[in-house]
Amino acid sequence: MKDFYDVVIAGGGHNGLVAAGYLAQAGLSTLILEQQPHTGGAAVSQQVFPGVDARLSRYSYLVSLLPDKIVADLGLALELRSRSVASYTPVRRGGRDLGLMVERPEGALTRESFAALTGGDAEYDAWTAFYGSVGELAQVIAPTLLDPLATSEDLRKKVDPALWEALVERPLGEIVEQRFADDTVRGVVATDSVIGTFAGLHDQSLIQNRCFLYHLIGNGTGEWRVPVGGMGAVTDALAFAARTAGASLVTNASVTAIDVDGKRGSVTWLGGDGERSVDCSFVLANVAPTTLDALRGRSTSEKPEGSQLKINLLLSRLPRLRSGEDPSRAFAGTFHIDEDYSQLESAYRQATSGSLPAVPPSEVYCHSLTDSSILSPSLVASGHQTLTVFGVHFPARLFAADNDAARDESVRRVLAGLESYLDEPLEPCIARDTDGNLCIEAKTPNDIEQSVGMPGGHIFHGDLQWPWVDDPAEAGRWGVETDAANLLICGSGARRGGAVSGIPGHNAAMALLELRP
């Protein structure tokens, strides 16, 4: 290891790897320091259950915001596969078990499914009109994400002003309630605003609007795809690209201090051979802003609060549904559980008052239906499938007093919600590991903080920001700058951060390349 690097990157998650790939390609000596035994951060695939050859995307699971340009620029050997179904929502009404099926791409079956649920074509017509408009907005915003920041005024001029006002200036709940009448349809639309964000649909902060926007602008289409080989395949490809370009990656290196003066920097870390330091010209921080403050010896900003429950399961087979829908179709996309609009709002109110949601909204993803390579051939042959469950409105505060007890009760309620739409008990369908235990793993925000170092378990490192600026004086910047010219944020806490996107890593690299002599 050298005594001096052009760039030291604190944190080897996917964004740090993206930045390293670009900077090493540009000829800069680049060092990544990662505290875990492996790179990837929360974007990893791991064998979770003892003796069971299934590699689950343990924390993050789908890809939408990763721009095709980054994949091409870094020469990533990566396949992102489309799901055959966008979503399926089981519904119980008037003693009947129904289901709202949204195909990918949408066709006659989707219209028929809307009609069977709502009694006509009005809701589906409203659906296609709404998402057509949102698609136009996405096509305007997506190309700007890898450029210097545009102003809100510049972007507003390029889209329907009424849609801009509804999605950017007014609480999302207003347009959802105006455009749609059915409670279930409203909920399917609204759920994209609360994945990873703790907010009500009428929250005046509009953080729910920002979350909604990020969920629908990836590559101009908003499609969420399955990484073949699991999420670890994404970061393995990024690590290979960074190493091939010449970057040095050091794991089991826990950064303990960052010092910068605008021109020079140093990073100190603790590894297997004790404490070490290295000098550099630039430091890139692939950590949450709160963590960065602590590493600089500053009073930390308010700790963010994550708000999700993540449950990983391995099933010996998919369970039958009360609606009669083929499970291999129903679980092929996003399977919504108790995510009617009224249920989302009720769960939010209960969590805000300090109680676990009585009927917790959640979403289920069966990645193995799209990519069986994450399972061994024997598990595939015997019909095993993975399930990832993402429960919303589970803020960290609910687990503060007794994390283990609250986790167990939360898992019980979420899985009971799933089972309520099944035509058979769930437990007999759950596989067991070599010790005879059910293949269930759950992570609260507190667990996520402990395992991958995200403060408060917040998967976006803090509230998402609009991917533009209001002040024209800030236009042309990259949204990664700090008070020190040679310290840049390259993680999810950057202005255009959040999710597995690589965008902050790219933008920090571009900002640095503009600054270097």
Protein backbone atom coordinates (compact mmCIF):
# COMPACT_ATOMS: atom_id res chain seq x y z
CA MET A 1 0.00 0.00 0.00
CA LYS A 2 1.27 3.45 -0.90
CA ASP A 3 1.71 6.35 1.53
CA PHE A 4 -0.21 8.76 -0.69
CA TYR A 5 -3.23 8.44 -3.02
CA ASP A 6 -4.97 10.89 -5.26
CA VAL A 7 -8.29 9.72 -3.81
CA VAL A 8 -9.31 7.76 -0.72
CA ILE A 9 -12.91 6.53 -0.58
CA ALA A 10 -14.37 5.79 2.85
CA GLY A 11 -16.86 2.97 2.35
CA GLY A 12 -16.94 0.18 -0.23
CA GLY A 13 -20.65 0.09 -0.97
CA HIS A 14 -21.86 0.23 -4.54
CA ASN A 15 -21.56 4.00 -4.86
CA GLY A 16 -17.95 3.97 -3.67
CA LEU A 17 -17.18 1.25 -6.20
CA VAL A 18 -18.77 3.29 -9.00
CA ALA A 19 -16.69 6.33 -8.07
CA ALA A 20 -13.54 4.22 -7.87
CA GLY A 21 -14.19 2.76 -11.31
CA TYR A 22 -14.49 6.17 -12.95
CA LEU A 23 -11.56 7.73 -11.09
CA ALA A 24 -9.20 4.83 -11.67
CA GLN A 25 -10.16 4.83 -15.34
CA ALA A 26 -9.14 8.49 -15.40
CA GLY A 27 -5.70 7.55 -14.11
CA LEU A 28 -6.04 8.64 -10.47
CA SER A 29 -4.56 6.43 -7.77
CA THR A 30 -7.62 5.35 -5.79
CA LEU A 31 -8.01 3.51 -2.49
CA ILE A 32 -11.27 2.16 -1.06
CA LEU A 33 -11.52 1.35 2.65
CA GLU A 34 -14.41 -0.92 3.68
CA GLN A 35 -15.14 -1.96 7.27
CA GLN A 36 -16.82 -5.27 6.39
CA PRO A 37 -14.97 -8.38 5.16
CA HIS A 38 -16.42 -7.75 1.69
CA THR A 39 -17.35 -4.84 -0.51
CA GLY A 40 -20.93 -4.08 -1.45
CA GLY A 41 -22.38 -2.60 1.74
CA ALA A 42 -26.10 -3.32 1.77
CA ALA A 43 -26.10 -4.46 -1.88
CA VAL A 44 -24.93 -8.02 -1.28
CA SER A 45 -26.02 -11.61 -1.79
CA GLN A 46 -25.46 -14.02 1.07
CA GLN A 47 -26.26 -17.54 2.16
CA VAL A 48 -28.55 -16.67 5.04
CA PHE A 49 -29.79 -20.05 6.24
CA PRO A 50 -27.32 -22.68 7.55
CA GLY A 51 -26.77 -25.55 5.16
CA VAL A 52 -29.17 -24.17 2.55
CA ASP A 53 -27.62 -23.27 -0.81
CA ALA A 54 -29.68 -20.15 -1.52
CA ARG A 55 -28.02 -16.74 -2.00
CA LEU A 56 -30.49 -14.06 -1.01
CA SER A 57 -30.29 -10.34 -1.74
CA ARG A 58 -30.22 -9.75 1.97
CA TYR A 59 -30.93 -6.02 2.25
CA SER A 60 -31.51 -4.32 -1.12
CA TYR A 61 -33.16 -6.42 -3.77
CA LEU A 62 -34.30 -4.71 -7.02
CA VAL A 63 -32.66 -2.26 -9.42
CA SER A 64 -34.28 0.69 -11.19
CA LEU A 65 -32.23 3.85 -10.76
CA LEU A 66 -28.89 2.42 -11.94
CA PRO A 67 -28.42 4.26 -15.26
CA ASP A 68 -27.60 2.21 -18.33
CA LYS A 69 -24.82 4.73 -18.99
CA ILE A 70 -22.95 3.69 -15.84
CA VAL A 71 -23.26 0.03 -16.81
CA ALA A 72 -21.82 0.84 -20.25
CA ASP A 73 -19.11 3.25 -19.04
CA LEU A 74 -17.71 0.76 -16.54
CA GLY A 75 -18.18 -2.26 -18.82
CA LEU A 76 -20.20 -4.14 -16.23
CA ALA A 77 -20.95 -7.80 -16.95
CA LEU A 78 -24.43 -7.50 -15.52
CA GLU A 79 -27.89 -8.68 -16.51
CA LEU A 80 -30.97 -6.93 -15.15
CA ARG A 81 -34.01 -9.01 -16.00
CA SER A 82 -37.59 -7.74 -16.36
CA ARG A 83 -40.30 -9.37 -14.31
CA SER A 84 -43.25 -10.83 -16.20
CA VAL A 85 -45.74 -9.16 -13.84
CA ALA A 86 -45.61 -5.62 -12.46
CA SER A 87 -47.82 -6.26 -9.44
CA TYR A 88 -50.58 -8.37 -7.97
CA THR A 89 -52.81 -7.23 -5.13
CA PRO A 90 -55.11 -9.73 -3.40
CA VAL A 91 -58.37 -8.13 -2.30
CA ARG A 92 -61.25 -9.37 -0.17
CA ARG A 93 -64.58 -7.65 -0.82
CA GLY A 94 -68.15 -8.63 -0.08
CA GLY A 95 -67.11 -12.11 0.93
CA ARG A 96 -65.22 -12.63 -2.34
CA ASP A 97 -61.48 -13.08 -2.87
CA LEU A 98 -60.30 -11.12 -5.88
CA GLY A 99 -56.99 -9.86 -7.18
CA LEU A 100 -55.75 -6.83 -9.10
CA MET A 101 -53.26 -8.01 -11.72
CA VAL A 102 -51.00 -5.52 -13.49
CA GLU A 103 -49.06 -7.12 -16.33
CA ARG A 104 -45.71 -6.06 -17.75
CA PRO A 105 -46.31 -4.80 -20.33
CA GLU A 106 -49.94 -4.02 -19.56
CA GLY A 107 -52.51 -5.65 -21.79
CA ALA A 108 -56.10 -6.80 -21.93
CA LEU A 109 -55.77 -8.87 -18.76
CA THR A 110 -54.86 -5.76 -16.77
CA ARG A 111 -57.90 -3.86 -18.00
CA GLU A 112 -60.12 -6.85 -17.26
CA SER A 113 -58.65 -7.15 -13.77
CA PHE A 114 -59.37 -3.47 -13.04
CA ALA A 115 -62.92 -3.86 -14.35
CA ALA A 116 -63.59 -6.96 -12.23
CA LEU A 117 -62.43 -5.14 -9.11
CA THR A 118 -63.93 -1.69 -9.68
CA GLY A 119 -66.97 -2.47 -11.84
CA GLY A 120 -65.95 -0.59 -14.98
CA ASP A 121 -63.18 0.98 -17.04
CA ALA A 122 -62.95 4.36 -15.30
CA GLU A 123 -60.21 3.41 -12.83
CA TYR A 124 -58.04 1.79 -15.48
CA ASP A 125 -58.46 4.77 -17.77
CA ALA A 126 -57.42 7.05 -14.89
CA TRP A 127 -54.47 4.72 -14.22
CA THR A 128 -53.16 4.83 -17.78
CA ALA A 129 -53.61 8.61 -18.01
CA PHE A 130 -51.83 9.20 -14.70
CA TYR A 131 -48.86 6.96 -15.39
CA GLY A 132 -48.62 8.28 -18.93
CA SER A 133 -48.12 11.76 -17.47
CA VAL A 134 -45.68 10.50 -14.85
CA GLY A 135 -43.75 8.74 -17.62
CA GLU A 136 -43.37 12.04 -19.47
CA LEU A 137 -42.01 13.64 -16.30
CA ALA A 138 -39.59 10.74 -15.81
CA GLN A 139 -38.25 11.12 -19.34
CA VAL A 140 -37.46 14.77 -18.59
CA ILE A 141 -35.81 14.19 -15.21
CA ALA A 142 -33.92 10.91 -15.74
CA PRO A 143 -31.41 12.30 -18.28
CA THR A 144 -30.41 15.05 -15.83
CA LEU A 145 -29.35 12.72 -13.02
CA LEU A 146 -25.81 12.28 -14.37
CA ASP A 147 -25.38 15.95 -15.26
CA PRO A 148 -24.68 19.02 -13.12
CA LEU A 149 -27.79 20.06 -11.24
CA ALA A 150 -30.57 21.76 -13.16
CA THR A 151 -32.93 24.27 -11.60
CA SER A 152 -36.53 23.52 -10.79
CA GLU A 153 -37.56 26.38 -13.04
CA ASP A 154 -35.72 24.91 -16.02
CA LEU A 155 -37.36 21.51 -15.53
CA ARG A 156 -40.81 22.92 -14.82
CA LYS A 157 -40.86 24.53 -18.27
CA LYS A 158 -40.48 21.09 -19.90
CA VAL A 159 -43.45 19.34 -18.30
CA ASP A 160 -47.19 19.78 -17.81
CA PRO A 161 -47.46 22.58 -15.21
CA ALA A 162 -50.52 20.98 -13.60
CA LEU A 163 -48.64 17.70 -13.09
CA TRP A 164 -45.61 19.55 -11.73
CA GLU A 165 -47.78 21.35 -9.19
CA ALA A 166 -49.50 18.11 -8.18
CA LEU A 167 -46.34 16.03 -7.75
CA VAL A 168 -43.79 18.64 -6.66
CA GLU A 169 -45.70 21.38 -4.85
CA ARG A 170 -48.74 19.69 -3.27
CA PRO A 171 -48.95 16.59 -1.03
CA LEU A 172 -49.19 13.44 -3.11
CA GLY A 173 -52.38 12.35 -1.38
CA GLU A 174 -54.29 15.14 -3.10
CA ILE A 175 -53.70 13.96 -6.67
CA VAL A 176 -54.17 10.30 -5.70
CA GLU A 177 -57.56 11.10 -4.19
CA GLN A 178 -58.53 13.33 -7.12
CA ARG A 179 -57.57 10.88 -9.86
CA PHE A 180 -58.70 7.57 -8.33
CA ALA A 181 -61.83 6.46 -6.51
CA ASP A 182 -61.04 2.87 -5.52
CA ASP A 183 -59.25 2.37 -2.19
CA THR A 184 -57.10 -0.49 -3.47
CA VAL A 185 -56.08 1.29 -6.66
CA ARG A 186 -55.23 4.39 -4.65
CA GLY A 187 -53.04 2.26 -2.39
CA VAL A 188 -51.16 0.59 -5.24
CA VAL A 189 -50.33 4.05 -6.58
CA ALA A 190 -49.42 5.52 -3.20
CA THR A 191 -47.19 2.72 -1.95
CA ASP A 192 -44.24 3.92 -4.03
CA SER A 193 -44.20 7.03 -1.84
CA VAL A 194 -43.57 5.20 1.42
CA ILE A 195 -41.03 2.50 0.56
CA GLY A 196 -38.15 3.52 2.83
CA THR A 197 -39.84 6.78 3.86
CA PHE A 198 -41.93 7.35 6.98
CA ALA A 199 -44.63 9.82 5.99
CA GLY A 200 -48.33 10.23 5.53
CA LEU A 201 -49.78 10.89 2.10
CA HIS A 202 -50.69 14.46 3.11
CA ASP A 203 -47.40 15.26 4.84
CA GLN A 204 -46.56 18.92 4.21
CA SER A 205 -42.82 18.18 4.03
CA LEU A 206 -43.48 16.38 0.72
CA ILE A 207 -40.90 13.71 1.50
CA GLN A 208 -43.50 11.20 0.30
CA ASN A 209 -43.60 13.00 -3.07
CA ARG A 210 -39.83 12.81 -3.40
CA CYS A 211 -39.84 9.09 -2.61
CA PHE A 212 -42.60 8.56 -5.18
CA LEU A 213 -40.63 10.42 -7.83
CA TYR A 214 -37.46 8.40 -7.27
CA HIS A 215 -39.40 5.17 -7.58
CA LEU A 216 -40.70 6.12 -11.01
CA ILE A 217 -37.86 7.83 -12.89
CA GLY A 218 -35.20 5.14 -13.26
CA ASN A 219 -33.77 5.24 -16.80
CA GLY A 220 -36.86 7.19 -17.84
CA THR A 221 -39.12 4.14 -17.43
CA GLY A 222 -39.24 3.50 -13.69
CA GLU A 223 -39.06 -0.26 -14.25
CA TRP A 224 -37.68 -2.26 -11.32
CA ARG A 225 -35.62 -5.20 -12.53
CA VAL A 226 -34.09 -8.28 -10.95
CA PRO A 227 -30.28 -8.53 -10.99
CA VAL A 228 -29.37 -11.99 -12.26
CA GLY A 229 -27.21 -13.67 -9.63
CA GLY A 230 -28.69 -11.50 -6.89
CA MET A 231 -27.76 -8.02 -5.74
CA GLY A 232 -24.26 -9.25 -5.01
CA ALA A 233 -23.76 -9.69 -8.75
CA VAL A 234 -24.14 -5.92 -9.13
CA THR A 235 -21.45 -5.06 -6.61
CA ASP A 236 -19.20 -7.92 -7.69
CA ALA A 237 -19.27 -6.47 -11.21
CA LEU A 238 -18.53 -3.00 -9.86
CA ALA A 239 -15.65 -4.27 -7.70
CA PHE A 240 -14.17 -6.10 -10.69
CA ALA A 241 -14.42 -2.94 -12.81
CA ALA A 242 -12.73 -0.85 -10.10
CA ARG A 243 -9.88 -3.34 -9.62
CA THR A 244 -9.42 -3.78 -13.35
CA ALA A 245 -9.09 -0.01 -13.73
CA GLY A 246 -6.39 0.00 -11.05
CA ALA A 247 -8.18 0.89 -7.81
CA SER A 248 -7.04 -0.71 -4.54
CA LEU A 249 -9.77 -2.22 -2.36
CA VAL A 250 -9.07 -2.93 1.31
CA THR A 251 -11.66 -4.71 3.46
CA ASN A 252 -11.81 -5.15 7.25
CA ALA A 253 -10.72 -1.51 7.40
CA SER A 254 -12.94 0.55 9.70
CA VAL A 255 -12.44 4.26 9.05
CA THR A 256 -12.07 6.15 12.34
CA ALA A 257 -11.18 9.69 11.23
CA ILE A 258 -11.23 11.96 8.19
CA ASP A 259 -9.23 15.20 8.11
CA VAL A 260 -9.39 17.69 5.23
CA ASP A 261 -8.31 21.30 4.78
CA GLY A 262 -9.57 21.95 1.27
CA LYS A 263 -6.33 20.98 -0.42
CA ARG A 264 -4.99 17.90 1.34
CA GLY A 265 -6.57 15.14 3.33
CA SER A 266 -5.85 12.13 5.48
CA VAL A 267 -7.91 9.10 6.43
CA THR A 268 -7.29 6.93 9.48
CA TRP A 269 -8.63 3.41 9.85
CA LEU A 270 -8.42 0.40 12.12
CA GLY A 271 -7.59 -2.92 10.52
CA GLY A 272 -6.14 -6.29 11.35
CA ASP A 273 -2.66 -4.81 11.70
CA GLY A 274 -3.76 -1.95 13.94
CA GLU A 275 -4.39 1.72 13.22
CA ARG A 276 -3.08 3.24 10.01
CA SER A 277 -3.38 6.53 8.15
CA VAL A 278 -2.88 7.56 4.56
CA ASP A 279 -2.61 10.99 2.98
CA CYS A 280 -4.41 12.03 -0.18
CA SER A 281 -5.55 14.92 -2.32
CA PHE A 282 -9.28 14.11 -2.16
CA VAL A 283 -11.56 12.17 0.18
CA LEU A 284 -14.87 10.72 -0.98
CA ALA A 285 -17.31 9.80 1.78
CA ASN A 286 -19.50 6.81 0.97
CA VAL A 287 -21.13 7.00 4.39
CA ALA A 288 -24.20 8.72 5.76
CA PRO A 289 -23.82 12.46 6.49
CA THR A 290 -24.30 11.78 10.21
CA THR A 291 -21.42 9.30 10.11
CA LEU A 292 -19.25 11.73 8.17
CA ASP A 293 -19.79 14.40 10.81
CA ALA A 294 -18.63 11.98 13.50
CA LEU A 295 -15.55 10.97 11.50
CA ARG A 296 -14.61 14.64 11.18
CA GLY A 297 -14.96 15.17 14.94
CA ARG A 298 -17.96 17.43 14.53
CA SER A 299 -21.23 17.48 16.39
CA THR A 300 -23.43 15.16 14.42
CA SER A 301 -26.60 16.19 12.72
CA GLU A 302 -29.87 14.63 13.84
CA LYS A 303 -29.80 10.88 13.39
CA PRO A 304 -32.11 9.70 10.59
CA GLU A 305 -34.79 7.14 11.30
CA GLY A 306 -35.38 4.12 9.10
CA SER A 307 -38.91 2.84 8.82
CA GLN A 308 -38.98 -0.63 7.31
CA LEU A 309 -39.04 -4.27 8.33
CA LYS A 310 -37.17 -6.61 6.00
CA ILE A 311 -38.04 -10.32 6.09
CA ASN A 312 -36.25 -12.98 4.04
CA LEU A 313 -37.79 -16.41 3.62
CA LEU A 314 -37.09 -19.59 1.70
CA LEU A 315 -40.15 -21.62 0.75
CA SER A 316 -40.23 -25.30 -0.20
CA ARG A 317 -43.04 -24.28 -2.58
CA LEU A 318 -45.29 -21.32 -3.27
CA PRO A 319 -48.57 -21.38 -1.32
CA ARG A 320 -52.01 -21.49 -2.92
CA LEU A 321 -54.06 -18.28 -2.99
CA ARG A 322 -57.68 -17.86 -1.93
CA SER A 323 -58.34 -15.85 -5.09
CA GLY A 324 -57.43 -18.87 -7.20
CA GLU A 325 -54.71 -16.98 -9.08
CA ASP A 326 -51.73 -19.08 -10.14
CA PRO A 327 -49.06 -18.40 -7.46
CA SER A 328 -46.29 -18.41 -10.06
CA ARG A 329 -48.00 -15.42 -11.69
CA ALA A 330 -49.18 -13.65 -8.56
CA PHE A 331 -45.74 -13.69 -6.93
CA ALA A 332 -43.81 -12.92 -10.12
CA GLY A 333 -44.09 -9.16 -9.57
CA THR A 334 -44.69 -7.02 -6.50
CA PHE A 335 -47.28 -8.75 -4.31
CA HIS A 336 -49.09 -6.11 -2.23
CA ILE A 337 -50.38 -7.06 1.21
CA ASP A 338 -52.89 -4.81 3.00
CA GLU A 339 -51.76 -1.73 1.06
CA ASP A 340 -55.11 -0.14 0.41
CA TYR A 341 -54.87 3.65 0.68
CA SER A 342 -56.82 3.67 3.94
CA GLN A 343 -54.62 0.90 5.35
CA LEU A 344 -51.45 2.82 4.53
CA GLU A 345 -52.77 5.88 6.32
CA SER A 346 -54.05 3.90 9.30
CA ALA A 347 -50.71 2.13 9.74
CA TYR A 348 -48.90 5.47 9.57
CA ARG A 349 -51.12 6.98 12.26
CA GLN A 350 -50.63 3.99 14.55
CA ALA A 351 -46.84 4.02 14.10
CA THR A 352 -46.75 7.78 14.70
CA SER A 353 -48.56 7.24 17.98
CA GLY A 354 -45.92 4.69 19.03
CA SER A 355 -47.74 1.45 18.24
CA LEU A 356 -46.90 -1.34 15.83
CA PRO A 357 -49.40 -1.26 12.96
CA ALA A 358 -52.23 -3.68 13.73
CA VAL A 359 -52.56 -4.56 10.03
CA PRO A 360 -49.10 -3.75 8.63
CA PRO A 361 -48.87 -2.93 4.90
CA SER A 362 -46.10 -4.82 3.14
CA GLU A 363 -44.84 -6.01 -0.23
CA VAL A 364 -43.53 -9.39 -1.29
CA TYR A 365 -40.98 -10.14 -4.00
CA CYS A 366 -40.18 -13.63 -5.30
CA HIS A 367 -36.87 -13.08 -7.10
CA SER A 368 -36.31 -16.76 -7.84
CA LEU A 369 -39.29 -16.80 -10.24
CA THR A 370 -37.34 -14.37 -12.43
CA ASP A 371 -33.82 -15.58 -11.62
CA SER A 372 -33.47 -19.17 -10.44
CA SER A 373 -29.65 -18.91 -10.44
CA ILE A 374 -29.74 -17.72 -6.81
CA LEU A 375 -30.83 -21.25 -5.85
CA SER A 376 -28.85 -24.46 -6.22
CA PRO A 377 -30.01 -26.83 -8.99
CA SER A 378 -31.40 -29.22 -6.38
CA LEU A 379 -33.49 -26.48 -4.75
CA VAL A 380 -34.78 -25.38 -8.16
CA ALA A 381 -35.69 -28.97 -9.07
CA SER A 382 -37.63 -29.42 -5.83
CA GLY A 383 -39.66 -26.24 -6.33
CA HIS A 384 -38.07 -24.00 -3.69
CA GLN A 385 -38.57 -20.23 -3.99
CA THR A 386 -37.28 -17.16 -2.16
CA LEU A 387 -39.55 -14.51 -0.72
CA THR A 388 -38.49 -11.04 0.34
CA VAL A 389 -41.04 -9.12 2.40
CA PHE A 390 -40.71 -5.35 2.86
CA GLY A 391 -42.94 -4.00 5.62
CA VAL A 392 -43.63 -0.26 5.60
CA HIS A 393 -44.32 2.10 8.51
CA PHE A 394 -42.05 0.33 10.98
CA PRO A 395 -39.99 3.29 12.27
CA ALA A 396 -36.96 2.59 14.43
CA ARG A 397 -38.65 4.16 17.47
CA LEU A 398 -40.99 1.17 17.69
CA PHE A 399 -38.03 -1.14 18.34
CA ALA A 400 -36.12 1.06 20.78
CA ALA A 401 -37.40 -0.47 24.03
CA ASP A 402 -37.06 -4.17 23.09
CA ASN A 403 -35.84 -4.80 19.57
CA ASP A 404 -36.14 -8.59 19.73
CA ALA A 405 -39.68 -8.68 21.11
CA ALA A 406 -40.91 -5.98 18.74
CA ARG A 407 -39.25 -7.74 15.81
CA ASP A 408 -40.92 -11.06 16.64
CA GLU A 409 -44.34 -9.45 16.96
CA SER A 410 -43.88 -7.45 13.76
CA VAL A 411 -42.92 -10.57 11.82
CA ARG A 412 -45.93 -12.40 13.23
CA ARG A 413 -48.28 -9.63 12.11
CA VAL A 414 -46.77 -9.26 8.64
CA LEU A 415 -46.80 -13.00 7.92
CA ALA A 416 -50.35 -13.25 9.32
CA GLY A 417 -51.32 -10.59 6.79
CA LEU A 418 -49.83 -12.66 3.99
CA GLU A 419 -51.48 -15.83 5.27
CA SER A 420 -54.89 -14.16 5.33
CA TYR A 421 -54.84 -14.25 1.51
CA LEU A 422 -53.66 -17.85 1.28
CA ASP A 423 -55.75 -20.96 0.81
CA GLU A 424 -53.53 -22.90 3.19
CA PRO A 425 -51.28 -22.23 6.20
CA LEU A 426 -47.97 -20.57 5.40
CA GLU A 427 -45.68 -22.40 7.84
CA PRO A 428 -45.77 -25.83 6.10
CA CYS A 429 -44.56 -24.06 2.93
CA ILE A 430 -41.51 -22.57 4.65
CA ALA A 431 -38.30 -24.55 4.22
CA ARG A 432 -36.12 -25.52 7.17
CA ASP A 433 -32.35 -25.26 7.54
CA THR A 434 -30.06 -28.11 8.53
CA ASP A 435 -30.76 -27.38 12.21
CA GLY A 436 -34.49 -27.80 11.64
CA ASN A 437 -35.29 -24.11 12.01
CA LEU A 438 -37.71 -22.30 9.73
CA CYS A 439 -35.89 -20.34 7.01
CA ILE A 440 -36.99 -16.89 8.18
CA GLU A 441 -34.72 -13.91 8.78
CA ALA A 442 -35.96 -10.47 9.81
CA LYS A 443 -34.17 -7.12 10.02
CA THR A 444 -35.56 -4.08 11.83
CA PRO A 445 -34.05 -0.61 11.32
CA ASN A 446 -31.98 -1.24 14.46
CA ASP A 447 -30.71 -4.54 13.05
CA ILE A 448 -29.75 -2.85 9.79
CA GLU A 449 -27.83 -0.16 11.65
CA GLN A 450 -25.91 -2.81 13.57
CA SER A 451 -25.15 -5.01 10.57
CA VAL A 452 -24.29 -2.52 7.81
CA GLY A 453 -23.75 0.73 9.68
CA MET A 454 -26.64 2.79 8.30
CA PRO A 455 -27.53 5.31 11.04
CA GLY A 456 -31.03 4.66 12.29
CA GLY A 457 -31.32 1.86 9.74
CA HIS A 458 -32.34 4.48 7.17
CA ILE A 459 -31.84 2.87 3.77
CA PHE A 460 -31.46 6.26 2.04
CA HIS A 461 -29.07 7.67 4.72
CA GLY A 462 -31.71 10.34 5.36
CA ASP A 463 -34.68 11.97 3.67
CA LEU A 464 -34.46 12.04 -0.11
CA GLN A 465 -34.01 15.44 -1.74
CA TRP A 466 -35.40 16.74 -5.01
CA PRO A 467 -32.99 15.91 -7.86
CA TRP A 468 -32.69 19.59 -8.77
CA VAL A 469 -32.08 22.92 -7.02
CA ASP A 470 -34.33 25.94 -6.59
CA ASP A 471 -31.52 28.50 -6.29
CA PRO A 472 -29.96 29.34 -9.70
CA ALA A 473 -26.69 30.04 -7.86
CA GLU A 474 -26.45 26.31 -7.06
CA ALA A 475 -27.06 25.20 -10.65
CA GLY A 476 -24.08 23.54 -12.25
CA ARG A 477 -22.94 21.89 -9.03
CA TRP A 478 -23.16 18.12 -8.60
CA GLY A 479 -25.02 17.82 -5.29
CA VAL A 480 -22.06 16.08 -3.63
CA GLU A 481 -20.13 19.06 -2.31
CA THR A 482 -19.30 19.80 1.35
CA ASP A 483 -17.77 22.77 3.15
CA ALA A 484 -14.29 21.45 2.19
CA ALA A 485 -13.42 21.59 -1.51
CA ASN A 486 -11.58 18.25 -1.42
CA LEU A 487 -14.25 16.33 0.51
CA LEU A 488 -17.20 15.02 -1.51
CA ILE A 489 -20.17 12.83 -0.59
CA CYS A 490 -20.47 9.85 -2.92
CA GLY A 491 -23.13 7.86 -1.04
CA SER A 492 -26.90 7.82 -0.70
CA GLY A 493 -26.82 11.02 1.37
CA ALA A 494 -25.90 13.06 -1.72
CA ARG A 495 -28.61 15.18 -3.30
CA ARG A 496 -29.40 12.55 -5.93
CA GLY A 497 -28.87 9.59 -3.65
CA GLY A 498 -30.95 6.72 -2.36
CA ALA A 499 -31.44 3.17 -3.61
CA VAL A 500 -28.96 1.13 -5.67
CA SER A 501 -28.22 3.66 -8.38
CA GLY A 502 -24.53 4.48 -8.54
CA ILE A 503 -25.59 8.05 -9.36
CA PRO A 504 -23.89 9.69 -6.33
CA GLY A 505 -20.72 7.73 -7.06
CA HIS A 506 -20.71 8.90 -10.67
CA ASN A 507 -21.46 12.49 -9.74
CA ALA A 508 -18.79 12.65 -7.04
CA ALA A 509 -16.26 11.32 -9.54
CA MET A 510 -17.29 13.94 -12.12
CA ALA A 511 -17.11 16.74 -9.55
CA LEU A 512 -13.65 15.60 -8.48
CA LEU A 513 -12.38 15.41 -12.06
CA GLU A 514 -13.52 19.01 -12.57
CA LEU A 515 -11.61 20.08 -9.44
CA ARG A 516 -8.30 18.32 -9.97
CA PRO A 517 -5.42 20.46 -11.25
